[in-house]
mmCIF file of all heavy atoms, coordinates in Angstrom:
data_MODEL
# 
_entry.id   MODEL 
# 
loop_
_atom_site.group_PDB 
_atom_site.id 
_atom_site.type_symbol 
_atom_site.label_atom_id 
_atom_site.label_alt_id 
_atom_site.label_comp_id 
_atom_site.label_asym_id 
_atom_site.label_entity_id 
_atom_site.label_seq_id 
_atom_site.pdbx_PDB_ins_code 
_atom_site.Cartn_x 
_atom_site.Cartn_y 
_atom_site.Cartn_z 
_atom_site.occupancy 
_atom_site.B_iso_or_equiv 
_atom_site.pdbx_formal_charge 
_atom_site.auth_seq_id 
_atom_site.auth_comp_id 
_atom_site.auth_asym_id 
_atom_site.auth_atom_id 
_atom_site.pdbx_PDB_model_num 
ATOM 1   N N   . VAL A 1 1  ? 42.604 -32.555 192.636 1.00 0.00 ? 1  VAL A N   1 
ATOM 2   C CA  . VAL A 1 1  ? 42.714 -31.699 193.819 1.00 0.00 ? 1  VAL A CA  1 
ATOM 3   C C   . VAL A 1 1  ? 41.669 -32.127 194.852 1.00 0.00 ? 1  VAL A C   1 
ATOM 4   O O   . VAL A 1 1  ? 40.492 -32.316 194.522 1.00 0.00 ? 1  VAL A O   1 
ATOM 5   C CB  . VAL A 1 1  ? 42.505 -30.214 193.456 1.00 0.00 ? 1  VAL A CB  1 
ATOM 6   C CG1 . VAL A 1 1  ? 42.524 -29.344 194.717 1.00 0.00 ? 1  VAL A CG1 1 
ATOM 7   C CG2 . VAL A 1 1  ? 43.576 -29.760 192.482 1.00 0.00 ? 1  VAL A CG2 1 
ATOM 8   N N   . PHE A 1 2  ? 42.118 -32.260 196.097 1.00 0.00 ? 2  PHE A N   1 
ATOM 9   C CA  . PHE A 1 2  ? 41.218 -32.597 197.197 1.00 0.00 ? 2  PHE A CA  1 
ATOM 10  C C   . PHE A 1 2  ? 40.846 -31.332 197.960 1.00 0.00 ? 2  PHE A C   1 
ATOM 11  O O   . PHE A 1 2  ? 41.702 -30.490 198.258 1.00 0.00 ? 2  PHE A O   1 
ATOM 12  C CB  . PHE A 1 2  ? 41.889 -33.578 198.166 1.00 0.00 ? 2  PHE A CB  1 
ATOM 13  C CG  . PHE A 1 2  ? 42.020 -34.970 197.625 1.00 0.00 ? 2  PHE A CG  1 
ATOM 14  C CD1 . PHE A 1 2  ? 43.160 -35.343 196.922 1.00 0.00 ? 2  PHE A CD1 1 
ATOM 15  C CD2 . PHE A 1 2  ? 41.013 -35.898 197.809 1.00 0.00 ? 2  PHE A CD2 1 
ATOM 16  C CE1 . PHE A 1 2  ? 43.287 -36.620 196.410 1.00 0.00 ? 2  PHE A CE1 1 
ATOM 17  C CE2 . PHE A 1 2  ? 41.128 -37.182 197.307 1.00 0.00 ? 2  PHE A CE2 1 
ATOM 18  C CZ  . PHE A 1 2  ? 42.263 -37.547 196.597 1.00 0.00 ? 2  PHE A CZ  1 
ATOM 19  N N   . ARG A 1 3  ? 39.563 -31.202 198.293 1.00 0.00 ? 3  ARG A N   1 
ATOM 20  C CA  . ARG A 1 3  ? 39.073 -30.088 199.092 1.00 0.00 ? 3  ARG A CA  1 
ATOM 21  C C   . ARG A 1 3  ? 38.151 -30.638 200.177 1.00 0.00 ? 3  ARG A C   1 
ATOM 22  O O   . ARG A 1 3  ? 37.399 -31.590 199.947 1.00 0.00 ? 3  ARG A O   1 
ATOM 23  C CB  . ARG A 1 3  ? 38.273 -29.103 198.230 1.00 0.00 ? 3  ARG A CB  1 
ATOM 24  C CG  . ARG A 1 3  ? 39.113 -28.376 197.174 1.00 0.00 ? 3  ARG A CG  1 
ATOM 25  C CD  . ARG A 1 3  ? 39.847 -27.194 197.797 1.00 0.00 ? 3  ARG A CD  1 
ATOM 26  N NE  . ARG A 1 3  ? 40.565 -26.449 196.782 1.00 0.00 ? 3  ARG A NE  1 
ATOM 27  C CZ  . ARG A 1 3  ? 41.842 -26.625 196.476 1.00 0.00 ? 3  ARG A CZ  1 
ATOM 28  N NH1 . ARG A 1 3  ? 42.558 -27.545 197.134 1.00 0.00 ? 3  ARG A NH1 1 
ATOM 29  N NH2 . ARG A 1 3  ? 42.426 -25.906 195.548 1.00 0.00 ? 3  ARG A NH2 1 
ATOM 30  N N   . ILE A 1 4  ? 38.217 -30.029 201.355 1.00 0.00 ? 4  ILE A N   1 
ATOM 31  C CA  . ILE A 1 4  ? 37.276 -30.408 202.411 1.00 0.00 ? 4  ILE A CA  1 
ATOM 32  C C   . ILE A 1 4  ? 36.317 -29.241 202.609 1.00 0.00 ? 4  ILE A C   1 
ATOM 33  O O   . ILE A 1 4  ? 36.725 -28.101 202.856 1.00 0.00 ? 4  ILE A O   1 
ATOM 34  C CB  . ILE A 1 4  ? 37.997 -30.793 203.722 1.00 0.00 ? 4  ILE A CB  1 
ATOM 35  C CG1 . ILE A 1 4  ? 36.976 -31.290 204.758 1.00 0.00 ? 4  ILE A CG1 1 
ATOM 36  C CG2 . ILE A 1 4  ? 38.844 -29.657 204.282 1.00 0.00 ? 4  ILE A CG2 1 
ATOM 37  C CD1 . ILE A 1 4  ? 37.585 -32.060 205.897 1.00 0.00 ? 4  ILE A CD1 1 
ATOM 38  N N   . GLU A 1 5  ? 35.032 -29.504 202.459 1.00 0.00 ? 5  GLU A N   1 
ATOM 39  C CA  . GLU A 1 5  ? 34.023 -28.453 202.439 1.00 0.00 ? 5  GLU A CA  1 
ATOM 40  C C   . GLU A 1 5  ? 33.558 -28.075 203.845 1.00 0.00 ? 5  GLU A C   1 
ATOM 41  O O   . GLU A 1 5  ? 33.493 -28.906 204.744 1.00 0.00 ? 5  GLU A O   1 
ATOM 42  C CB  . GLU A 1 5  ? 32.817 -28.916 201.618 1.00 0.00 ? 5  GLU A CB  1 
ATOM 43  C CG  . GLU A 1 5  ? 33.142 -29.191 200.153 1.00 0.00 ? 5  GLU A CG  1 
ATOM 44  C CD  . GLU A 1 5  ? 31.929 -29.681 199.388 1.00 0.00 ? 5  GLU A CD  1 
ATOM 45  O OE1 . GLU A 1 5  ? 30.921 -30.025 200.029 1.00 0.00 ? 5  GLU A OE1 1 
ATOM 46  O OE2 . GLU A 1 5  ? 31.998 -29.691 198.150 1.00 0.00 ? 5  GLU A OE2 1 
ATOM 47  N N   . LYS A 1 6  ? 33.225 -26.809 204.006 1.00 0.00 ? 6  LYS A N   1 
ATOM 48  C CA  . LYS A 1 6  ? 32.592 -26.285 205.227 1.00 0.00 ? 6  LYS A CA  1 
ATOM 49  C C   . LYS A 1 6  ? 33.333 -26.677 206.496 1.00 0.00 ? 6  LYS A C   1 
ATOM 50  O O   . LYS A 1 6  ? 32.710 -26.974 207.516 1.00 0.00 ? 6  LYS A O   1 
ATOM 51  C CB  . LYS A 1 6  ? 31.134 -26.771 205.311 1.00 0.00 ? 6  LYS A CB  1 
ATOM 52  C CG  . LYS A 1 6  ? 30.278 -26.367 204.128 1.00 0.00 ? 6  LYS A CG  1 
ATOM 53  C CD  . LYS A 1 6  ? 28.868 -26.915 204.268 1.00 0.00 ? 6  LYS A CD  1 
ATOM 54  C CE  . LYS A 1 6  ? 28.012 -26.558 203.071 1.00 0.00 ? 6  LYS A CE  1 
ATOM 55  N NZ  . LYS A 1 6  ? 26.647 -27.135 203.160 1.00 0.00 ? 6  LYS A NZ  1 
ATOM 56  N N   . TYR A 1 7  ? 34.650 -26.688 206.451 1.00 0.00 ? 7  TYR A N   1 
ATOM 57  C CA  . TYR A 1 7  ? 35.417 -27.143 207.610 1.00 0.00 ? 7  TYR A CA  1 
ATOM 58  C C   . TYR A 1 7  ? 35.807 -25.976 208.506 1.00 0.00 ? 7  TYR A C   1 
ATOM 59  O O   . TYR A 1 7  ? 36.385 -24.997 208.040 1.00 0.00 ? 7  TYR A O   1 
ATOM 60  C CB  . TYR A 1 7  ? 36.680 -27.880 207.167 1.00 0.00 ? 7  TYR A CB  1 
ATOM 61  C CG  . TYR A 1 7  ? 37.467 -28.430 208.340 1.00 0.00 ? 7  TYR A CG  1 
ATOM 62  C CD1 . TYR A 1 7  ? 37.127 -29.652 208.908 1.00 0.00 ? 7  TYR A CD1 1 
ATOM 63  C CD2 . TYR A 1 7  ? 38.513 -27.704 208.895 1.00 0.00 ? 7  TYR A CD2 1 
ATOM 64  C CE1 . TYR A 1 7  ? 37.822 -30.147 209.995 1.00 0.00 ? 7  TYR A CE1 1 
ATOM 65  C CE2 . TYR A 1 7  ? 39.214 -28.196 209.986 1.00 0.00 ? 7  TYR A CE2 1 
ATOM 66  C CZ  . TYR A 1 7  ? 38.865 -29.407 210.532 1.00 0.00 ? 7  TYR A CZ  1 
ATOM 67  O OH  . TYR A 1 7  ? 39.546 -29.894 211.618 1.00 0.00 ? 7  TYR A OH  1 
ATOM 68  N N   . GLN A 1 8  ? 35.487 -26.077 209.799 1.00 0.00 ? 8  GLN A N   1 
ATOM 69  C CA  . GLN A 1 8  ? 35.919 -25.089 210.789 1.00 0.00 ? 8  GLN A CA  1 
ATOM 70  C C   . GLN A 1 8  ? 36.774 -25.749 211.878 1.00 0.00 ? 8  GLN A C   1 
ATOM 71  O O   . GLN A 1 8  ? 37.838 -25.276 212.210 1.00 0.00 ? 8  GLN A O   1 
ATOM 72  C CB  . GLN A 1 8  ? 34.707 -24.394 211.413 1.00 0.00 ? 8  GLN A CB  1 
ATOM 73  C CG  . GLN A 1 8  ? 33.942 -23.533 210.409 1.00 0.00 ? 8  GLN A CG  1 
ATOM 74  C CD  . GLN A 1 8  ? 32.757 -22.851 211.034 1.00 0.00 ? 8  GLN A CD  1 
ATOM 75  O OE1 . GLN A 1 8  ? 32.750 -22.543 212.222 1.00 0.00 ? 8  GLN A OE1 1 
ATOM 76  N NE2 . GLN A 1 8  ? 31.729 -22.589 210.229 1.00 0.00 ? 8  GLN A NE2 1 
ATOM 77  N N   . ASN A 1 9  ? 36.261 -26.853 212.427 1.00 0.00 ? 9  ASN A N   1 
ATOM 78  C CA  . ASN A 1 9  ? 37.052 -27.658 213.350 1.00 0.00 ? 9  ASN A CA  1 
ATOM 79  C C   . ASN A 1 9  ? 36.490 -29.072 213.337 1.00 0.00 ? 9  ASN A C   1 
ATOM 80  O O   . ASN A 1 9  ? 35.377 -29.310 212.863 1.00 0.00 ? 9  ASN A O   1 
ATOM 81  C CB  . ASN A 1 9  ? 37.064 -27.073 214.774 1.00 0.00 ? 9  ASN A CB  1 
ATOM 82  C CG  . ASN A 1 9  ? 35.681 -27.049 215.392 1.00 0.00 ? 9  ASN A CG  1 
ATOM 83  O OD1 . ASN A 1 9  ? 35.081 -28.083 215.669 1.00 0.00 ? 9  ASN A OD1 1 
ATOM 84  N ND2 . ASN A 1 9  ? 35.162 -25.834 215.611 1.00 0.00 ? 9  ASN A ND2 1 
ATOM 85  N N   . ILE A 1 10 ? 37.261 -30.017 213.839 1.00 0.00 ? 10 ILE A N   1 
ATOM 86  C CA  . ILE A 1 10 ? 36.899 -31.425 213.674 1.00 0.00 ? 10 ILE A CA  1 
ATOM 87  C C   . ILE A 1 10 ? 35.618 -31.786 214.411 1.00 0.00 ? 10 ILE A C   1 
ATOM 88  O O   . ILE A 1 10 ? 34.781 -32.535 213.901 1.00 0.00 ? 10 ILE A O   1 
ATOM 89  C CB  . ILE A 1 10 ? 38.063 -32.349 214.119 1.00 0.00 ? 10 ILE A CB  1 
ATOM 90  C CG1 . ILE A 1 10 ? 37.811 -33.793 213.675 1.00 0.00 ? 10 ILE A CG1 1 
ATOM 91  C CG2 . ILE A 1 10 ? 38.305 -32.263 215.615 1.00 0.00 ? 10 ILE A CG2 1 
ATOM 92  C CD1 . ILE A 1 10 ? 37.828 -34.015 212.184 1.00 0.00 ? 10 ILE A CD1 1 
ATOM 93  N N   . ASN A 1 11 ? 35.413 -31.253 215.631 1.00 0.00 ? 11 ASN A N   1 
ATOM 94  C CA  . ASN A 1 11 ? 34.218 -31.620 216.379 1.00 0.00 ? 11 ASN A CA  1 
ATOM 95  C C   . ASN A 1 11 ? 32.951 -31.054 215.754 1.00 0.00 ? 11 ASN A C   1 
ATOM 96  O O   . ASN A 1 11 ? 31.913 -31.718 215.731 1.00 0.00 ? 11 ASN A O   1 
ATOM 97  C CB  . ASN A 1 11 ? 34.344 -31.184 217.841 1.00 0.00 ? 11 ASN A CB  1 
ATOM 98  C CG  . ASN A 1 11 ? 35.047 -32.230 218.675 1.00 0.00 ? 11 ASN A CG  1 
ATOM 99  O OD1 . ASN A 1 11 ? 34.756 -33.416 218.577 1.00 0.00 ? 11 ASN A OD1 1 
ATOM 100 N ND2 . ASN A 1 11 ? 36.003 -31.795 219.472 1.00 0.00 ? 11 ASN A ND2 1 
ATOM 101 N N   . LYS A 1 12 ? 33.034 -29.823 215.244 1.00 0.00 ? 12 LYS A N   1 
ATOM 102 C CA  . LYS A 1 12 ? 31.858 -29.275 214.551 1.00 0.00 ? 12 LYS A CA  1 
ATOM 103 C C   . LYS A 1 12 ? 31.556 -30.103 213.303 1.00 0.00 ? 12 LYS A C   1 
ATOM 104 O O   . LYS A 1 12 ? 30.393 -30.385 212.999 1.00 0.00 ? 12 LYS A O   1 
ATOM 105 C CB  . LYS A 1 12 ? 32.075 -27.812 214.178 1.00 0.00 ? 12 LYS A CB  1 
ATOM 106 C CG  . LYS A 1 12 ? 30.837 -27.199 213.502 1.00 0.00 ? 12 LYS A CG  1 
ATOM 107 C CD  . LYS A 1 12 ? 31.023 -25.744 213.174 1.00 0.00 ? 12 LYS A CD  1 
ATOM 108 C CE  . LYS A 1 12 ? 29.725 -25.157 212.614 1.00 0.00 ? 12 LYS A CE  1 
ATOM 109 N NZ  . LYS A 1 12 ? 29.203 -25.889 211.445 1.00 0.00 ? 12 LYS A NZ  1 
ATOM 110 N N   . MET A 1 13 ? 32.598 -30.500 212.577 1.00 0.00 ? 13 MET A N   1 
ATOM 111 C CA  . MET A 1 13 ? 32.391 -31.313 211.384 1.00 0.00 ? 13 MET A CA  1 
ATOM 112 C C   . MET A 1 13 ? 31.718 -32.642 211.738 1.00 0.00 ? 13 MET A C   1 
ATOM 113 O O   . MET A 1 13 ? 30.778 -33.081 211.060 1.00 0.00 ? 13 MET A O   1 
ATOM 114 C CB  . MET A 1 13 ? 33.716 -31.585 210.675 1.00 0.00 ? 13 MET A CB  1 
ATOM 115 C CG  . MET A 1 13 ? 33.555 -32.389 209.387 1.00 0.00 ? 13 MET A CG  1 
ATOM 116 S SD  . MET A 1 13 ? 35.122 -32.786 208.575 1.00 0.00 ? 13 MET A SD  1 
ATOM 117 C CE  . MET A 1 13 ? 35.650 -34.190 209.555 1.00 0.00 ? 13 MET A CE  1 
ATOM 118 N N   . LEU A 1 14 ? 32.176 -33.275 212.816 1.00 0.00 ? 14 LEU A N   1 
ATOM 119 C CA  . LEU A 1 14 ? 31.603 -34.558 213.204 1.00 0.00 ? 14 LEU A CA  1 
ATOM 120 C C   . LEU A 1 14 ? 30.171 -34.408 213.706 1.00 0.00 ? 14 LEU A C   1 
ATOM 121 O O   . LEU A 1 14 ? 29.326 -35.279 213.474 1.00 0.00 ? 14 LEU A O   1 
ATOM 122 C CB  . LEU A 1 14 ? 32.479 -35.224 214.269 1.00 0.00 ? 14 LEU A CB  1 
ATOM 123 C CG  . LEU A 1 14 ? 33.885 -35.625 213.803 1.00 0.00 ? 14 LEU A CG  1 
ATOM 124 C CD1 . LEU A 1 14 ? 34.689 -36.201 214.970 1.00 0.00 ? 14 LEU A CD1 1 
ATOM 125 C CD2 . LEU A 1 14 ? 33.822 -36.621 212.657 1.00 0.00 ? 14 LEU A CD2 1 
ATOM 126 N N   . ASN A 1 15 ? 29.885 -33.312 214.389 1.00 0.00 ? 15 ASN A N   1 
ATOM 127 C CA  . ASN A 1 15 ? 28.508 -33.057 214.822 1.00 0.00 ? 15 ASN A CA  1 
ATOM 128 C C   . ASN A 1 15 ? 27.603 -32.785 213.620 1.00 0.00 ? 15 ASN A C   1 
ATOM 129 O O   . ASN A 1 15 ? 26.477 -33.297 213.535 1.00 0.00 ? 15 ASN A O   1 
ATOM 130 C CB  . ASN A 1 15 ? 28.458 -31.871 215.783 1.00 0.00 ? 15 ASN A CB  1 
ATOM 131 C CG  . ASN A 1 15 ? 29.053 -32.194 217.134 1.00 0.00 ? 15 ASN A CG  1 
ATOM 132 O OD1 . ASN A 1 15 ? 29.307 -33.356 217.443 1.00 0.00 ? 15 ASN A OD1 1 
ATOM 133 N ND2 . ASN A 1 15 ? 29.284 -31.179 217.933 1.00 0.00 ? 15 ASN A ND2 1 
ATOM 134 N N   . ASP A 1 16 ? 28.101 -31.972 212.681 1.00 0.00 ? 16 ASP A N   1 
ATOM 135 C CA  . ASP A 1 16 ? 27.326 -31.690 211.470 1.00 0.00 ? 16 ASP A CA  1 
ATOM 136 C C   . ASP A 1 16 ? 27.041 -32.986 210.708 1.00 0.00 ? 16 ASP A C   1 
ATOM 137 O O   . ASP A 1 16 ? 25.919 -33.211 210.245 1.00 0.00 ? 16 ASP A O   1 
ATOM 138 C CB  . ASP A 1 16 ? 28.099 -30.729 210.556 1.00 0.00 ? 16 ASP A CB  1 
ATOM 139 C CG  . ASP A 1 16 ? 28.152 -29.313 211.114 1.00 0.00 ? 16 ASP A CG  1 
ATOM 140 O OD1 . ASP A 1 16 ? 27.376 -29.009 212.029 1.00 0.00 ? 16 ASP A OD1 1 
ATOM 141 O OD2 . ASP A 1 16 ? 28.988 -28.527 210.631 1.00 0.00 ? 16 ASP A OD2 1 
ATOM 142 N N   . PHE A 1 17 ? 28.065 -33.809 210.589 1.00 0.00 ? 17 PHE A N   1 
ATOM 143 C CA  . PHE A 1 17 ? 27.888 -35.066 209.860 1.00 0.00 ? 17 PHE A CA  1 
ATOM 144 C C   . PHE A 1 17 ? 26.909 -35.987 210.589 1.00 0.00 ? 17 PHE A C   1 
ATOM 145 O O   . PHE A 1 17 ? 26.054 -36.629 209.963 1.00 0.00 ? 17 PHE A O   1 
ATOM 146 C CB  . PHE A 1 17 ? 29.229 -35.782 209.676 1.00 0.00 ? 17 PHE A CB  1 
ATOM 147 C CG  . PHE A 1 17 ? 29.095 -37.133 209.028 1.00 0.00 ? 17 PHE A CG  1 
ATOM 148 C CD1 . PHE A 1 17 ? 28.740 -37.252 207.698 1.00 0.00 ? 17 PHE A CD1 1 
ATOM 149 C CD2 . PHE A 1 17 ? 29.293 -38.292 209.775 1.00 0.00 ? 17 PHE A CD2 1 
ATOM 150 C CE1 . PHE A 1 17 ? 28.590 -38.508 207.104 1.00 0.00 ? 17 PHE A CE1 1 
ATOM 151 C CE2 . PHE A 1 17 ? 29.149 -39.538 209.198 1.00 0.00 ? 17 PHE A CE2 1 
ATOM 152 C CZ  . PHE A 1 17 ? 28.794 -39.648 207.860 1.00 0.00 ? 17 PHE A CZ  1 
ATOM 153 N N   . SER A 1 18 ? 27.023 -36.064 211.912 1.00 0.00 ? 18 SER A N   1 
ATOM 154 C CA  . SER A 1 18 ? 26.113 -36.908 212.696 1.00 0.00 ? 18 SER A CA  1 
ATOM 155 C C   . SER A 1 18 ? 24.674 -36.464 212.522 1.00 0.00 ? 18 SER A C   1 
ATOM 156 O O   . SER A 1 18 ? 23.760 -37.284 212.434 1.00 0.00 ? 18 SER A O   1 
ATOM 157 C CB  . SER A 1 18 ? 26.501 -36.880 214.180 1.00 0.00 ? 18 SER A CB  1 
ATOM 158 O OG  . SER A 1 18 ? 27.783 -37.416 214.375 1.00 0.00 ? 18 SER A OG  1 
ATOM 159 N N   . GLU A 1 19 ? 24.486 -35.140 212.467 1.00 0.00 ? 19 GLU A N   1 
ATOM 160 C CA  . GLU A 1 19 ? 23.136 -34.596 212.245 1.00 0.00 ? 19 GLU A CA  1 
ATOM 161 C C   . GLU A 1 19 ? 22.614 -35.031 210.878 1.00 0.00 ? 19 GLU A C   1 
ATOM 162 O O   . GLU A 1 19 ? 21.449 -35.443 210.744 1.00 0.00 ? 19 GLU A O   1 
ATOM 163 C CB  . GLU A 1 19 ? 23.188 -33.070 212.332 1.00 0.00 ? 19 GLU A CB  1 
ATOM 164 C CG  . GLU A 1 19 ? 21.836 -32.393 212.386 1.00 0.00 ? 19 GLU A CG  1 
ATOM 165 C CD  . GLU A 1 19 ? 21.190 -32.453 213.751 1.00 0.00 ? 19 GLU A CD  1 
ATOM 166 O OE1 . GLU A 1 19 ? 21.916 -32.481 214.755 1.00 0.00 ? 19 GLU A OE1 1 
ATOM 167 O OE2 . GLU A 1 19 ? 19.953 -32.479 213.789 1.00 0.00 ? 19 GLU A OE2 1 
ATOM 168 N N   . GLU A 1 20 ? 23.474 -34.950 209.861 1.00 0.00 ? 20 GLU A N   1 
ATOM 169 C CA  . GLU A 1 20 ? 23.075 -35.379 208.519 1.00 0.00 ? 20 GLU A CA  1 
ATOM 170 C C   . GLU A 1 20 ? 22.807 -36.878 208.483 1.00 0.00 ? 20 GLU A C   1 
ATOM 171 O O   . GLU A 1 20 ? 21.871 -37.340 207.820 1.00 0.00 ? 20 GLU A O   1 
ATOM 172 C CB  . GLU A 1 20 ? 24.174 -35.022 207.514 1.00 0.00 ? 20 GLU A CB  1 
ATOM 173 C CG  . GLU A 1 20 ? 24.353 -33.537 207.263 1.00 0.00 ? 20 GLU A CG  1 
ATOM 174 C CD  . GLU A 1 20 ? 23.113 -32.899 206.668 1.00 0.00 ? 20 GLU A CD  1 
ATOM 175 O OE1 . GLU A 1 20 ? 22.485 -33.526 205.794 1.00 0.00 ? 20 GLU A OE1 1 
ATOM 176 O OE2 . GLU A 1 20 ? 22.771 -31.775 207.077 1.00 0.00 ? 20 GLU A OE2 1 
ATOM 177 N N   . ALA A 1 21 ? 23.645 -37.657 209.197 1.00 0.00 ? 21 ALA A N   1 
ATOM 178 C CA  . ALA A 1 21 ? 23.527 -39.115 209.166 1.00 0.00 ? 21 ALA A CA  1 
ATOM 179 C C   . ALA A 1 21 ? 22.202 -39.610 209.738 1.00 0.00 ? 21 ALA A C   1 
ATOM 180 O O   . ALA A 1 21 ? 21.736 -40.695 209.390 1.00 0.00 ? 21 ALA A O   1 
ATOM 181 C CB  . ALA A 1 21 ? 24.691 -39.757 209.928 1.00 0.00 ? 21 ALA A CB  1 
ATOM 182 N N   . MET A 1 22 ? 21.587 -38.809 210.603 1.00 0.00 ? 22 MET A N   1 
ATOM 183 C CA  . MET A 1 22 ? 20.289 -39.195 211.150 1.00 0.00 ? 22 MET A CA  1 
ATOM 184 C C   . MET A 1 22 ? 19.215 -39.254 210.065 1.00 0.00 ? 22 MET A C   1 
ATOM 185 O O   . MET A 1 22 ? 18.187 -39.898 210.243 1.00 0.00 ? 22 MET A O   1 
ATOM 186 C CB  . MET A 1 22 ? 19.866 -38.222 212.257 1.00 0.00 ? 22 MET A CB  1 
ATOM 187 C CG  . MET A 1 22 ? 20.774 -38.246 213.474 1.00 0.00 ? 22 MET A CG  1 
ATOM 188 S SD  . MET A 1 22 ? 20.140 -37.263 214.841 1.00 0.00 ? 22 MET A SD  1 
ATOM 189 C CE  . MET A 1 22 ? 18.869 -38.339 215.500 1.00 0.00 ? 22 MET A CE  1 
ATOM 190 N N   . LYS A 1 23 ? 19.467 -38.587 208.921 1.00 0.00 ? 23 LYS A N   1 
ATOM 191 C CA  . LYS A 1 23 ? 18.494 -38.569 207.823 1.00 0.00 ? 23 LYS A CA  1 
ATOM 192 C C   . LYS A 1 23 ? 18.831 -39.596 206.742 1.00 0.00 ? 23 LYS A C   1 
ATOM 193 O O   . LYS A 1 23 ? 18.103 -39.715 205.760 1.00 0.00 ? 23 LYS A O   1 
ATOM 194 C CB  . LYS A 1 23 ? 18.461 -37.178 207.178 1.00 0.00 ? 23 LYS A CB  1 
ATOM 195 C CG  . LYS A 1 23 ? 18.271 -36.028 208.165 1.00 0.00 ? 23 LYS A CG  1 
ATOM 196 C CD  . LYS A 1 23 ? 18.535 -34.692 207.466 1.00 0.00 ? 23 LYS A CD  1 
ATOM 197 C CE  . LYS A 1 23 ? 18.701 -33.568 208.475 1.00 0.00 ? 23 LYS A CE  1 
ATOM 198 N NZ  . LYS A 1 23 ? 19.176 -32.328 207.831 1.00 0.00 ? 23 LYS A NZ  1 
ATOM 199 N N   . PHE A 1 24 ? 19.957 -40.323 206.893 1.00 0.00 ? 24 PHE A N   1 
ATOM 200 C CA  . PHE A 1 24 ? 20.377 -41.252 205.849 1.00 0.00 ? 24 PHE A CA  1 
ATOM 201 C C   . PHE A 1 24 ? 19.357 -42.361 205.648 1.00 0.00 ? 24 PHE A C   1 
ATOM 202 O O   . PHE A 1 24 ? 18.872 -42.956 206.619 1.00 0.00 ? 24 PHE A O   1 
ATOM 203 C CB  . PHE A 1 24 ? 21.721 -41.887 206.196 1.00 0.00 ? 24 PHE A CB  1 
ATOM 204 C CG  . PHE A 1 24 ? 22.910 -40.977 205.983 1.00 0.00 ? 24 PHE A CG  1 
ATOM 205 C CD1 . PHE A 1 24 ? 22.757 -39.680 205.517 1.00 0.00 ? 24 PHE A CD1 1 
ATOM 206 C CD2 . PHE A 1 24 ? 24.200 -41.429 206.244 1.00 0.00 ? 24 PHE A CD2 1 
ATOM 207 C CE1 . PHE A 1 24 ? 23.850 -38.843 205.326 1.00 0.00 ? 24 PHE A CE1 1 
ATOM 208 C CE2 . PHE A 1 24 ? 25.300 -40.608 206.055 1.00 0.00 ? 24 PHE A CE2 1 
ATOM 209 C CZ  . PHE A 1 24 ? 25.122 -39.318 205.599 1.00 0.00 ? 24 PHE A CZ  1 
# 
């Protein structure tokens, strides 16, 4: 089963991910 976590809309997801990626 596939699940996408903490999803509200695509732009918020991409912003959240970009914020996380700054710490990679």
